[in-house]
Structure formats: structure tokens, C-alpha cells
Amino acid sequence: SGALQLCNVSQPGPLKTFRTSLAPLHSVQLLPGIQHALLTATDGTVMLYDVNREQVRWKTEGGHTETIFDCRFSHHDPNLLASASFDSTLRIWDVRNSTCVKLLTGATGILY
């Protein structure tokens, strides 16, 4: 529907609704402080969404060819994140320059 809703499970309705033109989303992960959300789309895109400005701050170009089922920031370097996809690859991204710095392939099936 082109909407991203921020909810508190103890409240009856959404705290805020964002209207977007983003691809259909697969997952949303709020980052500490609820200023940014890490989004993954069904088209294989990873995005960093600025909740306050209601805009995408960073987005992968190319990369995964299937839906991403997990995406996490590094605990050791806040500029790196890893994404795992149904295309049987794991990619390490540097958010400073929107590039894939490492591609891990060779899985014989879907990575979980």
C-alpha cells in the first residue's frame, strides 16, 4: 500500500505512518534511538531509512537478485552491514560509499 507504520504493540494504532514509493518490503529493523530503520525489499535492495526526515538515506544499487531474509549491522563497525538472500549469497556493504565490499558465494542452498 506504500505505507510504513511505526507501532507500539501496547497501543491500539500506529504511532506514525510514512507514505513511501519504496519497493514491497520484506523486513524492517529499527536501529537504536528510533531515528533510522534498516529496510530490505523483495527486489533484493537494502535501504537505510531516516524516520525523522521520511526519506531513504542510503540504498544498495544492484547486489542481490532475490529477496533478502536477514540484514544486520556489524557490532564492531557501524559502517558495515551484512545481508543474506534467497539467491544463496551473503554480501558485506559499506554504507559510507554504498558498495559491496565482500561477496560470499558457494552455498549449495539458501543461507539461513
Protein backbone atom coordinates (compact mmCIF):
# COMPACT_ATOMS: atom_id res chain seq x y z
CA SER A 1 0.00 0.00 0.00
CA GLY A 2 3.03 2.31 0.02
CA ALA A 3 2.92 2.82 3.78
CA LEU A 4 5.41 2.10 6.52
CA GLN A 5 3.88 2.17 10.00
CA LEU A 6 5.71 2.67 13.29
CA CYS A 7 3.79 0.85 16.03
CA ASN A 8 3.90 0.23 19.76
CA VAL A 9 2.29 -3.13 20.49
CA SER A 10 0.73 -1.78 23.68
CA GLN A 11 -1.17 0.93 21.76
CA PRO A 12 -4.24 0.38 19.55
CA GLY A 13 -2.99 2.16 16.42
CA PRO A 14 0.26 3.18 14.70
CA LEU A 15 2.37 5.93 16.28
CA LYS A 16 3.22 7.25 12.83
CA THR A 17 2.55 6.32 9.21
CA PHE A 18 5.05 7.11 6.46
CA ARG A 19 3.91 7.23 2.83
CA THR A 20 6.58 5.78 0.57
CA SER A 21 7.16 4.78 -3.02
CA LEU A 22 9.55 2.01 -1.97
CA ALA A 23 9.53 -1.49 -3.41
CA PRO A 24 7.50 -4.03 -1.39
CA LEU A 25 9.36 -4.52 1.89
CA HIS A 26 10.37 -7.84 3.36
CA SER A 27 11.75 -6.68 6.71
CA VAL A 28 12.11 -3.57 8.86
CA GLN A 29 14.61 -3.27 11.70
CA LEU A 30 14.59 -0.16 13.88
CA LEU A 31 18.04 0.95 14.95
CA PRO A 32 18.80 2.26 18.46
CA GLY A 33 17.19 5.63 19.10
CA ILE A 34 14.42 5.00 16.51
CA GLN A 35 15.93 7.59 14.15
CA HIS A 36 16.74 5.11 11.40
CA ALA A 37 15.30 1.87 10.12
CA LEU A 38 17.10 -0.79 8.14
CA LEU A 39 14.76 -2.00 5.37
CA THR A 40 15.02 -4.92 2.98
CA ALA A 41 12.86 -5.21 -0.11
CA THR A 42 11.58 -8.16 -2.09
CA ASP A 43 13.65 -6.97 -5.09
CA GLY A 44 16.94 -7.58 -3.18
CA THR A 45 17.54 -3.96 -2.13
CA VAL A 46 18.83 -2.86 1.28
CA MET A 47 17.95 0.65 2.48
CA LEU A 48 18.67 2.87 5.45
CA TYR A 49 15.56 4.96 6.08
CA ASP A 50 15.64 8.22 8.07
CA VAL A 51 12.48 8.10 10.19
CA ASN A 52 12.57 11.81 11.10
CA ARG A 53 13.08 13.10 7.54
CA GLU A 54 10.95 10.35 5.99
CA GLN A 55 13.47 9.61 3.27
CA VAL A 56 15.96 6.96 2.21
CA ARG A 57 19.48 7.97 3.28
CA TRP A 58 21.29 5.03 1.70
CA LYS A 59 20.33 2.30 -0.76
CA THR A 60 22.15 -0.55 -2.44
CA GLU A 61 22.39 -0.44 -6.20
CA GLY A 62 22.46 -3.90 -7.70
CA GLY A 63 23.51 -6.75 -5.50
CA HIS A 64 21.11 -9.48 -4.52
CA THR A 65 18.86 -10.98 -7.16
CA GLU A 66 16.33 -12.48 -4.74
CA THR A 67 14.57 -11.44 -1.53
CA ILE A 68 16.82 -10.65 1.43
CA PHE A 69 15.73 -12.54 4.52
CA ASP A 70 18.19 -11.08 7.02
CA CYS A 71 20.27 -7.93 7.30
CA ARG A 72 22.33 -6.76 10.29
CA PHE A 73 24.84 -4.04 11.12
CA SER A 74 28.26 -5.10 12.38
CA HIS A 75 28.71 -4.93 16.15
CA HIS A 76 32.34 -3.91 15.55
CA ASP A 77 31.99 -1.35 12.73
CA PRO A 78 28.81 0.75 12.39
CA ASN A 79 29.65 1.43 8.72
CA LEU A 80 29.35 -2.23 7.71
CA LEU A 81 26.31 -4.42 7.37
CA ALA A 82 25.70 -7.95 6.12
CA SER A 83 22.75 -9.12 4.05
CA ALA A 84 21.75 -12.72 3.35
CA SER A 85 19.46 -13.59 0.47
CA PHE A 86 17.49 -16.40 -1.10
CA ASP A 87 19.98 -16.04 -4.02
CA SER A 88 22.40 -18.09 -1.80
CA THR A 89 24.82 -15.19 -1.26
CA LEU A 90 25.91 -13.11 1.68
CA ARG A 91 27.07 -9.55 0.99
CA ILE A 92 29.01 -7.15 3.22
CA TRP A 93 28.12 -3.50 2.49
CA ASP A 94 29.97 -0.28 3.37
CA VAL A 95 27.32 2.37 3.96
CA ARG A 96 29.81 5.23 3.57
CA ASN A 97 30.07 4.66 -0.18
CA SER A 98 27.15 2.29 -0.92
CA THR A 99 29.39 -0.51 -2.13
CA CYS A 100 29.53 -4.24 -1.62
CA VAL A 101 32.98 -4.84 -0.12
CA LYS A 102 32.69 -8.63 0.16
CA LEU A 103 30.59 -11.23 -1.64
CA LEU A 104 30.39 -14.73 -0.19
CA THR A 105 29.15 -17.36 -2.62
CA GLY A 106 29.32 -21.09 -2.98
CA ALA A 107 26.38 -22.07 -0.80
CA THR A 108 24.59 -25.11 -2.17
CA GLY A 109 21.27 -23.85 -0.93
CA ILE A 110 19.61 -20.94 0.76
CA LEU A 111 21.62 -19.35 3.58
CA TYR A 112 19.84 -19.19 6.94
